[in-house]
Amino acid sequence: MVLIKGAFRNRSFFYLARQAKKAYYTRMKEIIIPLLNEELSQNSDEIMASYDLEGTELEYPWPKYKPRALFTGIFIAAGIDGIACSFCAEIPKNKTISKHEGHKEKVFEDDCVELFIKPAGSVIYYGWEINTKGFCLDYRAGCGEKGKEIIFSTMSEPMKEFDGSPVISGYIEDTIIEEKITFDYNWKSQYRISTDIEDEFWYTDIFIPWSDFSLPDNFSFETLEGKEWQFTCNRIDNTGMELAKEKSLKSSAKLKGTPKKINPGLQCLIEGTDYPSFHQSRFFAVGKFQNYDKLIKDYE
């Protein structure tokens, strides 16, 4: 196993190491989340880059949602004050779609990356969707009747169903593969986000404080050692879809045929389901927290 050190200080190394097959990338159900004895809120990217951390490459689990093959990798780590995730996403010619310019908007219609986290034993998962300009749609989602009950009993005012306005608020009830999900868009995270585009790569770093999660009053990050949470990191490639549509229209014009349906590119850490949706928490990856010093010692 070769670990990647400082990959987000030398951004393109992440991609190049993967191309040369000189780095360790994993696509498995259980992913280790190292516990760092650091406060990550001020500069999680720089702090994480000073450690040997494993990079995980997102995959395309649904073949019909792959208009092109792009690289997207993530680093994730936990610290004293919260959890942080860094994305490194390939964007040919630095071309992206980013129409939304406000928080709580439909950034999933843009090129976006996402992080969903479901703490151990919880029927609630928390979501952050971020476009290339750094605007974020944050929410929490209750799974099943128990999750719905918790959402409605703790939701901030006004408690009303989302009315379709440009800025998303209120709640939405949905069913995905027989699982009822209740989305609470009134919920507000205390996240910190940084994002930039350079040399045909898009980098987004997000820090989430532990206070965002419904954790016990006596919680401390050391108690996470050996615990397992569920999570997924996702990417939506709407630019790939639009480019594929343009190509398909040109081809169909020459052949006088009907253009085939083109879907956005969907990459994630979800496996075990053929249904193309990120909102299936029972298929999220397992993130196992482990003390960083112990982790490195075990690898030696």
C-alpha atoms as a PDB file:
ATOM      1  CA  MET A   1       0.000   0.000   0.000  1.00  0.00           C
ATOM      2  CA  VAL A   2       1.301   3.438  -0.941  1.00  0.00           C
ATOM      3  CA  LEU A   3      -0.225   6.337   0.945  1.00  0.00           C
ATOM      4  CA  ILE A   4      -0.509   9.799  -0.522  1.00  0.00           C
ATOM      5  CA  LYS A   5       1.199  12.563   1.417  1.00  0.00           C
ATOM      6  CA  GLY A   6       0.350  16.199   0.898  1.00  0.00           C
ATOM      7  CA  ALA A   7      -1.718  15.536  -2.182  1.00  0.00           C
ATOM      8  CA  PHE A   8      -3.830  18.636  -1.771  1.00  0.00           C
ATOM      9  CA  ARG A   9      -0.800  20.918  -1.551  1.00  0.00           C
ATOM     10  CA  ASN A  10       0.431  19.527  -4.873  1.00  0.00           C
ATOM     11  CA  ARG A  11      -3.026  19.089  -6.322  1.00  0.00           C
ATOM     12  CA  SER A  12      -2.391  17.286  -9.579  1.00  0.00           C
ATOM     13  CA  PHE A  13      -0.265  14.647  -7.844  1.00  0.00           C
ATOM     14  CA  PHE A  14      -3.455  12.935  -6.718  1.00  0.00           C
ATOM     15  CA  TYR A  15      -4.536  12.362 -10.305  1.00  0.00           C
ATOM     16  CA  LEU A  16      -1.092  11.626 -11.711  1.00  0.00           C
ATOM     17  CA  ALA A  17      -0.333   9.049  -9.038  1.00  0.00           C
ATOM     18  CA  ARG A  18      -3.567   7.298  -9.862  1.00  0.00           C
ATOM     19  CA  GLN A  19      -2.768   7.349 -13.594  1.00  0.00           C
ATOM     20  CA  ALA A  20       0.662   5.871 -12.944  1.00  0.00           C
ATOM     21  CA  LYS A  21      -0.863   3.348 -10.530  1.00  0.00           C
ATOM     22  CA  LYS A  22       1.604   4.415  -7.866  1.00  0.00           C
ATOM     23  CA  ALA A  23      -0.941   5.310  -5.228  1.00  0.00           C
ATOM     24  CA  TYR A  24      -3.377   3.317  -3.176  1.00  0.00           C
ATOM     25  CA  TYR A  25      -7.017   3.897  -4.050  1.00  0.00           C
ATOM     26  CA  THR A  26      -9.783   1.910  -2.539  1.00  0.00           C
ATOM     27  CA  ARG A  27     -13.335   1.194  -3.628  1.00  0.00           C
ATOM     28  CA  MET A  28     -14.695  -0.882  -0.826  1.00  0.00           C
ATOM     29  CA  LYS A  29     -17.597  -0.904   1.555  1.00  0.00           C
ATOM     30  CA  GLU A  30     -15.506   0.047   4.580  1.00  0.00           C
ATOM     31  CA  ILE A  31     -13.304   3.144   4.454  1.00  0.00           C
ATOM     32  CA  ILE A  32     -11.033   4.216   7.301  1.00  0.00           C
ATOM     33  CA  ILE A  33     -11.555   7.758   8.618  1.00  0.00           C
ATOM     34  CA  PRO A  34      -8.417   8.765  10.521  1.00  0.00           C
ATOM     35  CA  LEU A  35      -8.823  10.640  13.811  1.00  0.00           C
ATOM     36  CA  LEU A  36      -6.365  13.541  13.901  1.00  0.00           C
ATOM     37  CA  ASN A  37      -5.512  15.326  17.137  1.00  0.00           C
ATOM     38  CA  GLU A  38      -6.057  18.657  15.372  1.00  0.00           C
ATOM     39  CA  GLU A  39      -8.649  21.387  15.110  1.00  0.00           C
ATOM     40  CA  LEU A  40      -9.677  21.304  11.468  1.00  0.00           C
ATOM     41  CA  SER A  41     -12.022  24.292  11.346  1.00  0.00           C
ATOM     42  CA  GLN A  42      -9.446  26.910  10.352  1.00  0.00           C
ATOM     43  CA  ASN A  43      -7.656  25.187   7.478  1.00  0.00           C
ATOM     44  CA  SER A  44      -8.638  21.554   7.112  1.00  0.00           C
ATOM     45  CA  ASP A  45      -7.038  21.188   3.683  1.00  0.00           C
ATOM     46  CA  GLU A  46      -3.598  22.331   4.826  1.00  0.00           C
ATOM     47  CA  ILE A  47      -3.735  20.278   8.011  1.00  0.00           C
ATOM     48  CA  MET A  48      -4.853  17.137   6.215  1.00  0.00           C
ATOM     49  CA  ALA A  49      -2.108  17.613   3.617  1.00  0.00           C
ATOM     50  CA  SER A  50       0.517  17.363   6.355  1.00  0.00           C
ATOM     51  CA  TYR A  51      -0.523  13.778   7.096  1.00  0.00           C
ATOM     52  CA  ASP A  52      -0.271  10.533   5.134  1.00  0.00           C
ATOM     53  CA  LEU A  53      -3.915   9.974   4.238  1.00  0.00           C
ATOM     54  CA  GLU A  54      -5.509   7.500   1.893  1.00  0.00           C
ATOM     55  CA  GLY A  55      -7.277   8.859  -1.154  1.00  0.00           C
ATOM     56  CA  THR A  56     -10.485   7.216  -2.293  1.00  0.00           C
ATOM     57  CA  GLU A  57     -11.592   7.411  -5.904  1.00  0.00           C
ATOM     58  CA  LEU A  58     -15.305   7.696  -6.655  1.00  0.00           C
ATOM     59  CA  GLU A  59     -16.751   5.319  -9.219  1.00  0.00           C
ATOM     60  CA  TYR A  60     -19.639   5.180 -11.663  1.00  0.00           C
ATOM     61  CA  PRO A  61     -21.976   2.466 -10.273  1.00  0.00           C
ATOM     62  CA  TRP A  62     -24.665   3.050 -12.928  1.00  0.00           C
ATOM     63  CA  PRO A  63     -23.445   2.615 -16.547  1.00  0.00           C
ATOM     64  CA  LYS A  64     -26.221   4.747 -18.056  1.00  0.00           C
ATOM     65  CA  TYR A  65     -25.066   7.667 -15.902  1.00  0.00           C
ATOM     66  CA  LYS A  66     -21.581   7.981 -17.355  1.00  0.00           C
ATOM     67  CA  PRO A  67     -21.544  10.416 -20.292  1.00  0.00           C
ATOM     68  CA  ARG A  68     -17.750  10.566 -19.954  1.00  0.00           C
ATOM     69  CA  ALA A  69     -15.102   9.088 -17.670  1.00  0.00           C
ATOM     70  CA  LEU A  70     -13.625  11.604 -15.246  1.00  0.00           C
ATOM     71  CA  PHE A  71     -11.470  11.288 -12.174  1.00  0.00           C
ATOM     72  CA  THR A  72     -12.894  12.334  -8.805  1.00  0.00           C
ATOM     73  CA  GLY A  73     -11.089  11.573  -5.561  1.00  0.00           C
ATOM     74  CA  ILE A  74     -11.645  12.428  -1.926  1.00  0.00           C
ATOM     75  CA  PHE A  75      -9.765  12.622   1.354  1.00  0.00           C
ATOM     76  CA  ILE A  76     -11.725  12.490   4.593  1.00  0.00           C
ATOM     77  CA  ALA A  77     -10.543  12.874   8.184  1.00  0.00           C
ATOM     78  CA  ALA A  78     -11.927  13.723  11.614  1.00  0.00           C
ATOM     79  CA  GLY A  79     -10.480  16.144  14.141  1.00  0.00           C
ATOM     80  CA  ILE A  80     -11.142  17.543  17.590  1.00  0.00           C
ATOM     81  CA  ASP A  81     -13.783  19.971  16.372  1.00  0.00           C
ATOM     82  CA  GLY A  82     -15.362  18.203  13.401  1.00  0.00           C
ATOM     83  CA  ILE A  83     -15.010  16.219  10.197  1.00  0.00           C
ATOM     84  CA  ALA A  84     -13.475  17.421   6.929  1.00  0.00           C
ATOM     85  CA  CYS A  85     -13.579  16.219   3.346  1.00  0.00           C
ATOM     86  CA  SER A  86     -11.487  17.345   0.373  1.00  0.00           C
ATOM     87  CA  PHE A  87     -12.571  16.694  -3.216  1.00  0.00           C
ATOM     88  CA  CYS A  88     -10.290  16.667  -6.262  1.00  0.00           C
ATOM     89  CA  ALA A  89     -12.323  16.565  -9.502  1.00  0.00           C
ATOM     90  CA  GLU A  90     -11.084  16.490 -13.065  1.00  0.00           C
ATOM     91  CA  ILE A  91     -12.713  19.129 -15.322  1.00  0.00           C
ATOM     92  CA  PRO A  92     -11.409  19.111 -18.930  1.00  0.00           C
ATOM     93  CA  LYS A  93     -10.719  22.620 -20.280  1.00  0.00           C
ATOM     94  CA  ASN A  94     -11.913  24.038 -16.928  1.00  0.00           C
ATOM     95  CA  LYS A  95     -15.445  23.961 -18.345  1.00  0.00           C
ATOM     96  CA  THR A  96     -18.260  23.721 -15.808  1.00  0.00           C
ATOM     97  CA  ILE A  97     -21.937  24.531 -15.385  1.00  0.00           C
ATOM     98  CA  SER A  98     -22.624  26.726 -12.369  1.00  0.00           C
ATOM     99  CA  LYS A  99     -25.808  28.766 -12.849  1.00  0.00           C
ATOM    100  CA  HIS A 100     -26.832  29.030  -9.208  1.00  0.00           C
ATOM    101  CA  GLU A 101     -25.275  31.838  -7.179  1.00  0.00           C
ATOM    102  CA  GLY A 102     -26.850  31.510  -3.775  1.00  0.00           C
ATOM    103  CA  HIS A 103     -26.959  29.106  -0.862  1.00  0.00           C
ATOM    104  CA  LYS A 104     -29.993  26.825  -0.472  1.00  0.00           C
ATOM    105  CA  GLU A 105     -30.554  26.816  -4.243  1.00  0.00           C
ATOM    106  CA  LYS A 106     -30.777  23.845  -6.646  1.00  0.00           C
ATOM    107  CA  VAL A 107     -27.026  23.438  -7.045  1.00  0.00           C
ATOM    108  CA  PHE A 108     -27.596  19.806  -8.090  1.00  0.00           C
ATOM    109  CA  GLU A 109     -28.612  21.284 -11.458  1.00  0.00           C
ATOM    110  CA  ASP A 110     -24.998  22.504 -11.764  1.00  0.00           C
ATOM    111  CA  ASP A 111     -21.791  20.539 -11.645  1.00  0.00           C
ATOM    112  CA  CYS A 112     -21.617  19.695  -7.980  1.00  0.00           C
ATOM    113  CA  VAL A 113     -19.997  17.504  -5.353  1.00  0.00           C
ATOM    114  CA  GLU A 114     -21.845  16.166  -2.335  1.00  0.00           C
ATOM    115  CA  LEU A 115     -21.203  14.720   1.094  1.00  0.00           C
ATOM    116  CA  PHE A 116     -23.851  12.708   2.985  1.00  0.00           C
ATOM    117  CA  ILE A 117     -23.166  11.534   6.558  1.00  0.00           C
ATOM    118  CA  LYS A 118     -25.288   9.239   8.729  1.00  0.00           C
ATOM    119  CA  PRO A 119     -24.028   8.846  12.323  1.00  0.00           C
ATOM    120  CA  ALA A 120     -24.095   5.413  13.947  1.00  0.00           C
ATOM    121  CA  GLY A 121     -27.549   4.347  15.071  1.00  0.00           C
ATOM    122  CA  SER A 122     -29.208   7.393  13.534  1.00  0.00           C
ATOM    123  CA  VAL A 123     -32.261   7.478  11.265  1.00  0.00           C
ATOM    124  CA  ILE A 124     -31.140  10.912  10.063  1.00  0.00           C
ATOM    125  CA  TYR A 125     -28.472  11.640   7.485  1.00  0.00           C
ATOM    126  CA  TYR A 126     -27.038  15.069   6.727  1.00  0.00           C
ATOM    127  CA  GLY A 127     -26.300  16.401   3.263  1.00  0.00           C
ATOM    128  CA  TRP A 128     -24.144  19.104   1.690  1.00  0.00           C
ATOM    129  CA  GLU A 129     -24.279  19.759  -2.069  1.00  0.00           C
ATOM    130  CA  ILE A 130     -21.740  22.271  -3.423  1.00  0.00           C
ATOM    131  CA  ASN A 131     -21.290  23.772  -6.890  1.00  0.00           C
ATOM    132  CA  THR A 132     -18.048  25.062  -8.411  1.00  0.00           C
ATOM    133  CA  LYS A 133     -18.683  28.576  -7.058  1.00  0.00           C
ATOM    134  CA  GLY A 134     -18.898  27.269  -3.491  1.00  0.00           C
ATOM    135  CA  PHE A 135     -22.638  27.704  -3.008  1.00  0.00           C
ATOM    136  CA  CYS A 136     -24.144  24.998  -0.836  1.00  0.00           C
ATOM    137  CA  LEU A 137     -27.502  23.292  -0.381  1.00  0.00           C
ATOM    138  CA  ASP A 138     -27.464  21.847   3.128  1.00  0.00           C
ATOM    139  CA  TYR A 139     -30.223  19.775   4.712  1.00  0.00           C
ATOM    140  CA  ARG A 140     -30.975  16.752   6.833  1.00  0.00           C
ATOM    141  CA  ALA A 141     -33.078  13.771   5.811  1.00  0.00           C
ATOM    142  CA  GLY A 142     -35.145  11.466   7.986  1.00  0.00           C
ATOM    143  CA  CYS A 143     -35.368   7.814   6.955  1.00  0.00           C
ATOM    144  CA  GLY A 144     -38.630   5.939   7.420  1.00  0.00           C
ATOM    145  CA  GLU A 145     -41.434   6.816   9.800  1.00  0.00           C
ATOM    146  CA  LYS A 146     -39.064   7.256  12.747  1.00  0.00           C
ATOM    147  CA  GLY A 147     -36.921   9.672  10.786  1.00  0.00           C
ATOM    148  CA  LYS A 148     -40.002  11.604   9.671  1.00  0.00           C
ATOM    149  CA  GLU A 149     -41.179  11.859  13.252  1.00  0.00           C
ATOM    150  CA  ILE A 150     -37.839  13.279  14.391  1.00  0.00           C
ATOM    151  CA  ILE A 151     -37.726  15.770  11.523  1.00  0.00           C
ATOM    152  CA  PHE A 152     -41.203  17.113  12.187  1.00  0.00           C
ATOM    153  CA  SER A 153     -40.678  17.279  15.961  1.00  0.00           C
ATOM    154  CA  THR A 154     -37.431  19.246  15.713  1.00  0.00           C
ATOM    155  CA  MET A 155     -37.837  21.243  12.489  1.00  0.00           C
ATOM    156  CA  SER A 156     -37.518  25.013  12.725  1.00  0.00           C
ATOM    157  CA  GLU A 157     -40.279  27.330  11.567  1.00  0.00           C
ATOM    158  CA  PRO A 158     -41.922  27.799   9.192  1.00  0.00           C
ATOM    159  CA  MET A 159     -42.928  24.137   8.954  1.00  0.00           C
ATOM    160  CA  LYS A 160     -44.335  24.036   5.456  1.00  0.00           C
ATOM    161  CA  GLU A 161     -43.900  21.945   2.350  1.00  0.00           C
ATOM    162  CA  PHE A 162     -41.435  23.277  -0.221  1.00  0.00           C
ATOM    163  CA  ASP A 163     -43.342  25.446  -2.706  1.00  0.00           C
ATOM    164  CA  GLY A 164     -40.952  25.272  -5.668  1.00  0.00           C
ATOM    165  CA  SER A 165     -39.353  28.684  -5.163  1.00  0.00           C
ATOM    166  CA  PRO A 166     -35.714  29.258  -6.289  1.00  0.00           C
ATOM    167  CA  VAL A 167     -34.454  29.176  -2.696  1.00  0.00           C
ATOM    168  CA  ILE A 168     -35.281  25.814  -1.154  1.00  0.00           C
ATOM    169  CA  SER A 169     -36.919  25.769   2.273  1.00  0.00           C
ATOM    170  CA  GLY A 170     -39.473  23.754   4.204  1.00  0.00           C
ATOM    171  CA  TYR A 171     -39.734  20.008   3.768  1.00  0.00           C
ATOM    172  CA  ILE A 172     -40.124  17.470   0.983  1.00  0.00           C
ATOM    173  CA  GLU A 173     -41.430  13.941   1.433  1.00  0.00           C
ATOM    174  CA  ASP A 174     -40.226  11.356  -1.066  1.00  0.00           C
ATOM    175  CA  THR A 175     -40.064   7.590  -1.502  1.00  0.00           C
ATOM    176  CA  ILE A 176     -36.985   5.921  -2.993  1.00  0.00           C
ATOM    177  CA  ILE A 177     -37.143   2.153  -3.454  1.00  0.00           C
ATOM    178  CA  GLU A 178     -39.932   1.815  -0.884  1.00  0.00           C
ATOM    179  CA  GLU A 179     -38.021   3.860   1.701  1.00  0.00           C
ATOM    180  CA  LYS A 180     -39.726   7.036   2.835  1.00  0.00           C
ATOM    181  CA  ILE A 181     -37.405  10.031   3.169  1.00  0.00           C
ATOM    182  CA  THR A 182     -38.315  13.384   4.679  1.00  0.00           C
ATOM    183  CA  PHE A 183     -35.988  16.236   3.695  1.00  0.00           C
ATOM    184  CA  ASP A 184     -35.669  19.212   6.053  1.00  0.00           C
ATOM    185  CA  TYR A 185     -34.344  22.230   4.162  1.00  0.00           C
ATOM    186  CA  ASN A 186     -34.854  24.613   7.074  1.00  0.00           C
ATOM    187  CA  TRP A 187     -31.939  22.937   8.831  1.00  0.00           C
ATOM    188  CA  LYS A 188     -28.750  24.995   8.706  1.00  0.00           C
ATOM    189  CA  SER A 189     -25.254  23.634   8.968  1.00  0.00           C
ATOM    190  CA  GLN A 190     -22.286  25.563  10.379  1.00  0.00           C
ATOM    191  CA  TYR A 191     -20.045  24.328   7.561  1.00  0.00           C
ATOM    192  CA  ARG A 192     -16.986  26.050   6.135  1.00  0.00           C
ATOM    193  CA  ILE A 193     -16.261  25.662   2.432  1.00  0.00           C
ATOM    194  CA  SER A 194     -13.401  26.643   0.151  1.00  0.00           C
ATOM    195  CA  THR A 195     -13.329  25.937  -3.563  1.00  0.00           C
ATOM    196  CA  ASP A 196     -11.145  26.786  -6.551  1.00  0.00           C
ATOM    197  CA  ILE A 197     -10.408  25.694 -10.109  1.00  0.00           C
ATOM    198  CA  GLU A 198      -6.873  25.302 -11.390  1.00  0.00           C
ATOM    199  CA  ASP A 199      -5.184  23.397 -14.218  1.00  0.00           C
ATOM    200  CA  GLU A 200      -8.311  21.476 -15.218  1.00  0.00           C
ATOM    201  CA  PHE A 201      -9.050  20.401 -11.662  1.00  0.00           C
ATOM    202  CA  TRP A 202     -11.758  21.538  -9.298  1.00  0.00           C
ATOM    203  CA  TYR A 203     -10.963  21.441  -5.583  1.00  0.00           C
ATOM    204  CA  THR A 204     -13.520  21.726  -2.818  1.00  0.00           C
ATOM    205  CA  ASP A 205     -12.861  21.423   0.893  1.00  0.00           C
ATOM    206  CA  ILE A 206     -15.650  21.275   3.459  1.00  0.00           C
ATOM    207  CA  PHE A 207     -15.417  21.274   7.230  1.00  0.00           C
ATOM    208  CA  ILE A 208     -18.418  20.250   9.357  1.00  0.00           C
ATOM    209  CA  PRO A 209     -18.428  20.783  13.148  1.00  0.00           C
ATOM    210  CA  TRP A 210     -19.560  17.979  15.436  1.00  0.00           C
ATOM    211  CA  SER A 211     -22.282  20.318  16.686  1.00  0.00           C
ATOM    212  CA  ASP A 212     -24.121  19.824  13.370  1.00  0.00           C
ATOM    213  CA  PHE A 213     -24.942  16.268  14.403  1.00  0.00           C
ATOM    214  CA  SER A 214     -27.289  15.186  17.176  1.00  0.00           C
ATOM    215  CA  LEU A 215     -24.581  13.797  19.441  1.00  0.00           C
ATOM    216  CA  PRO A 216     -24.603  13.239  23.235  1.00  0.00           C
ATOM    217  CA  ASP A 217     -23.713  16.185  25.458  1.00  0.00           C
ATOM    218  CA  ASN A 218     -20.625  14.337  26.714  1.00  0.00           C
ATOM    219  CA  PHE A 219     -19.368  13.623  23.169  1.00  0.00           C
ATOM    220  CA  SER A 220     -15.663  13.941  22.417  1.00  0.00           C
ATOM    221  CA  PHE A 221     -13.935  12.900  19.237  1.00  0.00           C
ATOM    222  CA  GLU A 222     -11.817  10.297  21.048  1.00  0.00           C
ATOM    223  CA  THR A 223     -14.974   8.261  21.676  1.00  0.00           C
ATOM    224  CA  LEU A 224     -15.257   7.668  17.920  1.00  0.00           C
ATOM    225  CA  GLU A 225     -12.313   5.252  17.944  1.00  0.00           C
ATOM    226  CA  GLY A 226     -13.507   2.011  16.342  1.00  0.00           C
ATOM    227  CA  LYS A 227     -17.010   3.372  15.692  1.00  0.00           C
ATOM    228  CA  GLU A 228     -18.673   3.126  12.291  1.00  0.00           C
ATOM    229  CA  TRP A 229     -20.743   5.798  10.583  1.00  0.00           C
ATOM    230  CA  GLN A 230     -22.245   5.603   7.107  1.00  0.00           C
ATOM    231  CA  PHE A 231     -21.445   8.118   4.421  1.00  0.00           C
ATOM    232  CA  THR A 232     -21.060   8.744   0.715  1.00  0.00           C
ATOM    233  CA  CYS A 233     -19.270  11.353  -1.354  1.00  0.00           C
ATOM    234  CA  ASN A 234     -20.843  12.075  -4.731  1.00  0.00           C
ATOM    235  CA  ARG A 235     -20.301  14.026  -7.919  1.00  0.00           C
ATOM    236  CA  ILE A 236     -22.844  15.181 -10.502  1.00  0.00           C
ATOM    237  CA  ASP A 237     -21.356  15.915 -13.930  1.00  0.00           C
ATOM    238  CA  ASN A 238     -23.966  17.994 -15.741  1.00  0.00           C
ATOM    239  CA  THR A 239     -21.368  19.426 -18.132  1.00  0.00           C
ATOM    240  CA  GLY A 240     -20.663  15.909 -19.381  1.00  0.00           C
ATOM    241  CA  MET A 241     -24.360  15.422 -20.016  1.00  0.00           C
ATOM    242  CA  GLU A 242     -24.674  18.663 -22.003  1.00  0.00           C
ATOM    243  CA  LEU A 243     -21.593  17.880 -24.110  1.00  0.00           C
ATOM    244  CA  ALA A 244     -22.937  14.400 -24.835  1.00  0.00           C
ATOM    245  CA  LYS A 245     -26.304  15.884 -25.817  1.00  0.00           C
ATOM    246  CA  GLU A 246     -24.636  18.261 -28.272  1.00  0.00           C
ATOM    247  CA  LYS A 247     -22.706  15.400 -29.816  1.00  0.00           C
ATOM    248  CA  SER A 248     -25.822  13.245 -30.009  1.00  0.00           C
ATOM    249  CA  LEU A 249     -27.835  16.022 -31.685  1.00  0.00           C
ATOM    250  CA  LYS A 250     -25.166  16.458 -34.362  1.00  0.00           C
ATOM    251  CA  SER A 251     -25.089  12.727 -34.991  1.00  0.00           C
ATOM    252  CA  SER A 252     -28.868  12.400 -35.139  1.00  0.00           C
ATOM    253  CA  ALA A 253     -29.101  15.342 -37.535  1.00  0.00           C
ATOM    254  CA  LYS A 254     -26.819  13.537 -39.964  1.00  0.00           C
ATOM    255  CA  LEU A 255     -28.585  10.213 -39.541  1.00  0.00           C
ATOM    256  CA  LYS A 256     -32.084  11.705 -39.195  1.00  0.00           C
ATOM    257  CA  GLY A 257     -32.699   9.696 -36.094  1.00  0.00           C
ATOM    258  CA  THR A 258     -34.020  10.412 -32.623  1.00  0.00           C
ATOM    259  CA  PRO A 259     -31.352  11.485 -30.132  1.00  0.00           C
ATOM    260  CA  LYS A 260     -30.875   8.999 -27.331  1.00  0.00           C
ATOM    261  CA  LYS A 261     -31.541  10.017 -23.739  1.00  0.00           C
ATOM    262  CA  ILE A 262     -28.429  11.375 -22.043  1.00  0.00           C
ATOM    263  CA  ASN A 263     -28.052  11.390 -18.263  1.00  0.00           C
ATOM    264  CA  PRO A 264     -25.666  13.339 -16.032  1.00  0.00           C
ATOM    265  CA  GLY A 265     -22.558  11.612 -14.780  1.00  0.00           C
ATOM    266  CA  LEU A 266     -23.057  10.184 -11.292  1.00  0.00           C
ATOM    267  CA  GLN A 267     -20.071   9.130  -9.193  1.00  0.00           C
ATOM    268  CA  CYS A 268     -20.246   8.026  -5.575  1.00  0.00           C
ATOM    269  CA  LEU A 269     -19.334   5.529  -2.850  1.00  0.00           C
ATOM    270  CA  ILE A 270     -22.651   3.714  -3.133  1.00  0.00           C
ATOM    271  CA  GLU A 271     -22.741   0.050  -4.082  1.00  0.00           C
ATOM    272  CA  GLY A 272     -25.236  -2.788  -4.104  1.00  0.00           C
ATOM    273  CA  THR A 273     -28.145  -1.032  -5.807  1.00  0.00           C
ATOM    274  CA  ASP A 274     -29.088  -0.682  -9.468  1.00  0.00           C
ATOM    275  CA  TYR A 275     -31.330   2.307  -8.796  1.00  0.00           C
ATOM    276  CA  PRO A 276     -29.538   5.547  -9.758  1.00  0.00           C
ATOM    277  CA  SER A 277     -30.004   7.699  -6.669  1.00  0.00           C
ATOM    278  CA  PHE A 278     -27.559   8.928  -4.054  1.00  0.00           C
ATOM    279  CA  HIS A 279     -30.344   9.039  -1.457  1.00  0.00           C
ATOM    280  CA  GLN A 280     -30.221   5.366  -0.433  1.00  0.00           C
ATOM    281  CA  SER A 281     -28.570   5.427   2.958  1.00  0.00           C
ATOM    282  CA  ARG A 282     -28.618   1.668   3.440  1.00  0.00           C
ATOM    283  CA  PHE A 283     -26.155   1.446   0.543  1.00  0.00           C
ATOM    284  CA  PHE A 284     -23.779   4.127   1.830  1.00  0.00           C
ATOM    285  CA  ALA A 285     -20.184   3.152   2.485  1.00  0.00           C
ATOM    286  CA  VAL A 286     -19.104   2.431   6.053  1.00  0.00           C
ATOM    287  CA  GLY A 287     -16.624   4.884   7.518  1.00  0.00           C
ATOM    288  CA  LYS A 288     -14.656   3.386  10.392  1.00  0.00           C
ATOM    289  CA  PHE A 289     -12.909   5.881  12.683  1.00  0.00           C
ATOM    290  CA  GLN A 290      -9.393   4.963  13.696  1.00  0.00           C
ATOM    291  CA  ASN A 291      -6.675   6.837  15.581  1.00  0.00           C
ATOM    292  CA  TYR A 292      -4.167   8.149  13.047  1.00  0.00           C
ATOM    293  CA  ASP A 293      -1.055   7.141  15.023  1.00  0.00           C
ATOM    294  CA  LYS A 294      -2.376   3.616  15.437  1.00  0.00           C
ATOM    295  CA  LEU A 295      -3.320   3.493  11.782  1.00  0.00           C
ATOM    296  CA  ILE A 296       0.175   4.424  10.617  1.00  0.00           C
ATOM    297  CA  LYS A 297       1.750   1.995  13.086  1.00  0.00           C
ATOM    298  CA  ASP A 298      -0.380  -0.833  11.729  1.00  0.00           C
ATOM    299  CA  TYR A 299       0.841  -0.062   8.201  1.00  0.00           C
ATOM    300  CA  GLU A 300       4.502  -0.065   9.153  1.00  0.00           C
END
